Each structure stands twice: as C-alpha cells, then as structure tokens.
N, C-alpha and C. Protein backbone atom coordinates (compact mmCIF):
# COMPACT_ATOMS: atom_id res chain seq x y z
N MET A 1 0.79 -1.11 0.00
CA MET A 1 0.00 0.02 -0.01
C MET A 1 0.86 1.22 -0.05
N TYR A 2 1.97 1.23 0.76
CA TYR A 2 2.81 2.41 0.93
C TYR A 2 3.51 2.73 -0.32
N ARG A 3 3.90 1.78 -1.09
CA ARG A 3 4.55 1.94 -2.41
C ARG A 3 3.53 2.49 -3.35
N ARG A 4 2.31 2.11 -3.21
CA ARG A 4 1.24 2.62 -4.15
C ARG A 4 1.03 4.10 -3.90
N LEU A 5 1.02 4.51 -2.67
CA LEU A 5 0.91 5.92 -2.39
C LEU A 5 2.09 6.69 -3.00
N ARG A 6 3.24 6.26 -2.93
CA ARG A 6 4.43 6.94 -3.50
C ARG A 6 4.21 6.97 -5.06
N ASP A 7 3.85 5.87 -5.59
CA ASP A 7 3.64 5.86 -7.06
C ASP A 7 2.63 6.78 -7.57
N LEU A 8 1.52 6.83 -6.82
CA LEU A 8 0.40 7.82 -7.22
C LEU A 8 0.98 9.24 -7.16
N ARG A 9 1.67 9.58 -6.15
CA ARG A 9 2.29 10.92 -5.89
C ARG A 9 3.28 11.22 -7.10
N GLU A 10 4.12 10.26 -7.31
CA GLU A 10 5.14 10.49 -8.39
C GLU A 10 4.54 10.62 -9.76
N ASP A 11 3.41 9.87 -10.08
CA ASP A 11 2.68 9.98 -11.33
C ASP A 11 2.18 11.34 -11.55
N CYS A 12 1.86 12.06 -10.42
CA CYS A 12 1.33 13.44 -10.53
C CYS A 12 2.39 14.50 -10.46
N ASP A 13 3.67 13.98 -10.43
CA ASP A 13 4.79 14.92 -10.34
C ASP A 13 4.66 15.92 -9.15
N LYS A 14 4.21 15.26 -8.01
CA LYS A 14 4.07 16.12 -6.78
C LYS A 14 5.10 15.70 -5.74
N THR A 15 5.57 16.63 -4.90
CA THR A 15 6.41 16.21 -3.78
C THR A 15 5.54 15.87 -2.57
N GLN A 16 6.20 15.22 -1.55
CA GLN A 16 5.40 14.94 -0.39
C GLN A 16 4.87 16.24 0.29
N ARG A 17 5.68 17.30 0.20
CA ARG A 17 5.17 18.58 0.83
C ARG A 17 3.95 19.03 0.08
N GLU A 18 3.88 18.95 -1.17
CA GLU A 18 2.74 19.40 -1.90
C GLU A 18 1.43 18.57 -1.58
N ILE A 19 1.64 17.20 -1.42
CA ILE A 19 0.47 16.40 -1.14
C ILE A 19 0.06 16.71 0.30
N ALA A 20 1.06 16.86 1.20
CA ALA A 20 0.67 17.11 2.54
C ALA A 20 -0.12 18.44 2.64
N GLN A 21 0.29 19.41 1.91
CA GLN A 21 -0.48 20.70 1.94
C GLN A 21 -1.89 20.53 1.32
N ILE A 22 -2.10 19.72 0.34
CA ILE A 22 -3.34 19.49 -0.26
C ILE A 22 -4.21 18.83 0.74
N ILE A 23 -3.77 17.89 1.54
CA ILE A 23 -4.61 17.11 2.42
C ILE A 23 -4.66 17.73 3.80
N GLY A 24 -3.88 18.87 4.03
CA GLY A 24 -3.90 19.58 5.36
C GLY A 24 -3.08 18.97 6.40
N MET A 25 -1.83 18.57 6.17
CA MET A 25 -1.01 18.04 7.22
C MET A 25 0.42 18.37 6.94
N SER A 26 1.32 18.02 7.83
CA SER A 26 2.77 18.35 7.58
C SER A 26 3.38 17.33 6.69
N GLN A 27 4.46 17.72 6.05
CA GLN A 27 5.16 16.82 5.17
C GLN A 27 5.80 15.70 5.96
N THR A 28 6.19 15.91 7.16
CA THR A 28 6.80 14.84 8.08
C THR A 28 5.68 13.75 8.31
N GLY A 29 4.43 14.28 8.67
CA GLY A 29 3.38 13.37 8.98
C GLY A 29 3.07 12.51 7.73
N TYR A 30 2.99 13.21 6.59
CA TYR A 30 2.68 12.42 5.36
C TYR A 30 3.70 11.35 4.95
N SER A 31 4.99 11.78 5.21
CA SER A 31 6.10 10.79 4.83
C SER A 31 5.96 9.57 5.69
N GLN A 32 5.41 9.69 6.92
CA GLN A 32 5.19 8.51 7.76
C GLN A 32 4.33 7.52 7.09
N TYR A 33 3.24 8.03 6.38
CA TYR A 33 2.33 7.16 5.69
C TYR A 33 3.04 6.39 4.57
N GLU A 34 3.84 7.14 3.70
CA GLU A 34 4.47 6.51 2.60
C GLU A 34 5.57 5.56 3.02
N LEU A 35 6.13 5.68 4.26
CA LEU A 35 7.16 4.75 4.75
C LEU A 35 6.43 3.59 5.56
N GLY A 36 5.18 3.65 5.71
CA GLY A 36 4.55 2.59 6.48
C GLY A 36 4.71 2.60 7.98
N LYS A 37 5.13 3.71 8.43
CA LYS A 37 5.38 3.91 9.81
C LYS A 37 4.08 4.16 10.65
N ASN A 38 3.17 4.83 9.99
CA ASN A 38 1.93 5.18 10.57
C ASN A 38 0.71 4.69 9.76
N ASP A 39 -0.36 4.12 10.42
CA ASP A 39 -1.54 3.86 9.58
C ASP A 39 -2.12 5.15 9.12
N ILE A 40 -2.82 4.96 8.02
CA ILE A 40 -3.46 6.13 7.38
C ILE A 40 -5.00 6.14 7.79
N PRO A 41 -5.41 7.26 8.52
CA PRO A 41 -6.80 7.40 8.91
C PRO A 41 -7.76 7.41 7.68
N THR A 42 -8.97 7.00 7.94
CA THR A 42 -9.97 6.90 6.91
C THR A 42 -10.16 8.22 6.29
N SER A 43 -10.13 9.33 7.13
CA SER A 43 -10.33 10.71 6.54
C SER A 43 -9.29 11.05 5.53
N ILE A 44 -8.07 10.73 5.79
CA ILE A 44 -6.95 10.94 4.84
C ILE A 44 -7.02 10.02 3.65
N LEU A 45 -7.38 8.78 3.80
CA LEU A 45 -7.56 7.92 2.63
C LEU A 45 -8.58 8.50 1.73
N LYS A 46 -9.68 9.00 2.26
CA LYS A 46 -10.71 9.62 1.48
C LYS A 46 -10.27 10.84 0.67
N LYS A 47 -9.48 11.69 1.36
CA LYS A 47 -8.96 12.90 0.65
C LYS A 47 -7.99 12.42 -0.43
N LEU A 48 -7.19 11.43 -0.19
CA LEU A 48 -6.21 11.00 -1.15
C LEU A 48 -6.89 10.43 -2.39
N ALA A 49 -7.97 9.57 -2.13
CA ALA A 49 -8.67 8.98 -3.28
C ALA A 49 -9.28 10.03 -4.04
N LEU A 50 -9.86 10.97 -3.43
CA LEU A 50 -10.45 12.09 -4.25
C LEU A 50 -9.56 12.79 -5.04
N PHE A 51 -8.39 13.18 -4.42
CA PHE A 51 -7.31 13.95 -5.09
C PHE A 51 -6.80 13.11 -6.25
N TYR A 52 -6.50 11.85 -6.15
CA TYR A 52 -5.83 11.11 -7.20
C TYR A 52 -6.98 10.47 -8.11
N ASN A 53 -8.20 10.73 -7.89
CA ASN A 53 -9.35 10.24 -8.65
C ASN A 53 -9.25 8.72 -8.82
N THR A 54 -9.14 8.14 -7.62
CA THR A 54 -9.03 6.62 -7.65
C THR A 54 -9.89 6.18 -6.39
N SER A 55 -9.85 4.89 -6.14
CA SER A 55 -10.67 4.42 -4.98
C SER A 55 -9.72 4.07 -3.82
N ILE A 56 -10.23 4.03 -2.69
CA ILE A 56 -9.56 3.66 -1.47
C ILE A 56 -9.09 2.20 -1.64
N ASP A 57 -9.93 1.37 -2.34
CA ASP A 57 -9.54 0.02 -2.56
C ASP A 57 -8.22 -0.06 -3.36
N TYR A 58 -8.02 0.81 -4.25
CA TYR A 58 -6.84 0.75 -5.10
C TYR A 58 -5.66 1.25 -4.21
N ILE A 59 -5.87 2.30 -3.41
CA ILE A 59 -4.75 2.64 -2.48
C ILE A 59 -4.32 1.56 -1.52
N LEU A 60 -5.36 0.87 -0.95
CA LEU A 60 -5.09 -0.20 -0.15
C LEU A 60 -4.64 -1.51 -0.77
N GLU A 61 -4.48 -1.41 -2.11
CA GLU A 61 -4.08 -2.64 -2.90
C GLU A 61 -5.11 -3.88 -2.82
N LEU A 62 -6.36 -3.49 -2.68
CA LEU A 62 -7.43 -4.49 -2.68
C LEU A 62 -7.88 -4.86 -4.05
N THR A 63 -7.49 -3.97 -5.00
CA THR A 63 -7.73 -4.04 -6.41
C THR A 63 -6.56 -3.41 -7.20
N ASP A 64 -6.49 -3.80 -8.44
CA ASP A 64 -5.51 -3.19 -9.38
C ASP A 64 -6.20 -2.24 -10.36
N GLU A 65 -7.56 -2.11 -10.17
CA GLU A 65 -8.32 -1.25 -11.01
C GLU A 65 -8.17 0.20 -10.43
N LYS A 66 -7.53 0.99 -11.22
CA LYS A 66 -7.16 2.40 -10.76
C LYS A 66 -8.41 3.27 -10.85
N LYS A 67 -9.28 3.05 -11.91
CA LYS A 67 -10.44 3.88 -12.06
C LYS A 67 -11.47 3.67 -10.97
N PRO A 68 -11.93 4.72 -10.27
CA PRO A 68 -12.88 4.51 -9.17
C PRO A 68 -14.28 4.12 -9.69
N TYR A 69 -15.13 3.63 -8.73
CA TYR A 69 -16.51 3.54 -9.05
C TYR A 69 -17.08 4.88 -9.26
N PRO A 70 -18.21 4.97 -9.92
CA PRO A 70 -18.89 6.35 -10.03
C PRO A 70 -19.09 6.96 -8.58
N ARG A 71 -18.86 8.17 -8.48
CA ARG A 71 -18.89 8.83 -7.21
C ARG A 71 -20.34 9.37 -6.93
N ARG A 72 -20.69 9.40 -5.65
CA ARG A 72 -21.98 10.07 -5.33
C ARG A 72 -21.86 11.60 -5.67
N THR A 73 -22.95 12.26 -5.93
CA THR A 73 -22.81 13.68 -6.23
C THR A 73 -23.15 14.60 -5.13
N ASP A 74 -23.71 14.09 -4.06
CA ASP A 74 -24.05 14.97 -2.99
C ASP A 74 -22.82 15.53 -2.23
N LYS A 75 -22.89 16.70 -1.81
CA LYS A 75 -21.74 17.41 -1.14
C LYS A 75 -21.27 16.76 0.14
N ASN A 76 -22.21 16.19 0.81
CA ASN A 76 -21.88 15.51 2.13
C ASN A 76 -20.82 14.41 2.01
N ASN A 77 -20.74 13.77 0.79
CA ASN A 77 -19.85 12.81 0.45
C ASN A 77 -18.39 13.21 0.50
N LEU A 78 -18.18 14.46 0.32
CA LEU A 78 -16.76 15.03 0.27
C LEU A 78 -16.11 15.35 1.59
N ASP A 79 -16.92 15.38 2.66
CA ASP A 79 -16.38 15.71 3.96
C ASP A 79 -15.64 14.51 4.64
C-alpha cells in the first residue's frame, strides 16, 4: 500500500510537501504514511482517493483497477 501511495504521488509529479499541503497536514506526517510507519486514517484515505481520482480499494491494494466507481454527487460525501 505504501509503495502505491508513492507511485500515485510521483505519477502526478508532486512532492510529499505538496500532497501534505493538499490534504492539510505536515510533510513529516505524510512521509510516515509513505514509509509505512503510521496507519492512514480513513479521513486521509478519502482525501487521497478524491485527489488522485481513484478508489480507497486501489490505494489499499485491494484491487488493481485504478479507475474508481462512479462517485456520489451530494456534497456531504466530500467531507
């Protein structure tokens, strides 16, 4: 899973600092996720999946299908 996070970030040509800013945390905290030192909270997984336009299942390596399921359109789904 942690390798996949790094691959997604690198595919977007983003630094850890840029992703950390996008999801509202420190670069050091984010790097702990990529290194596998800290578990990733559901709220962060959701933000990452939305940013990368993929599914949490893909990030967690439960599927190799990068394209996400169709998303709900209500705004409450984004919090």
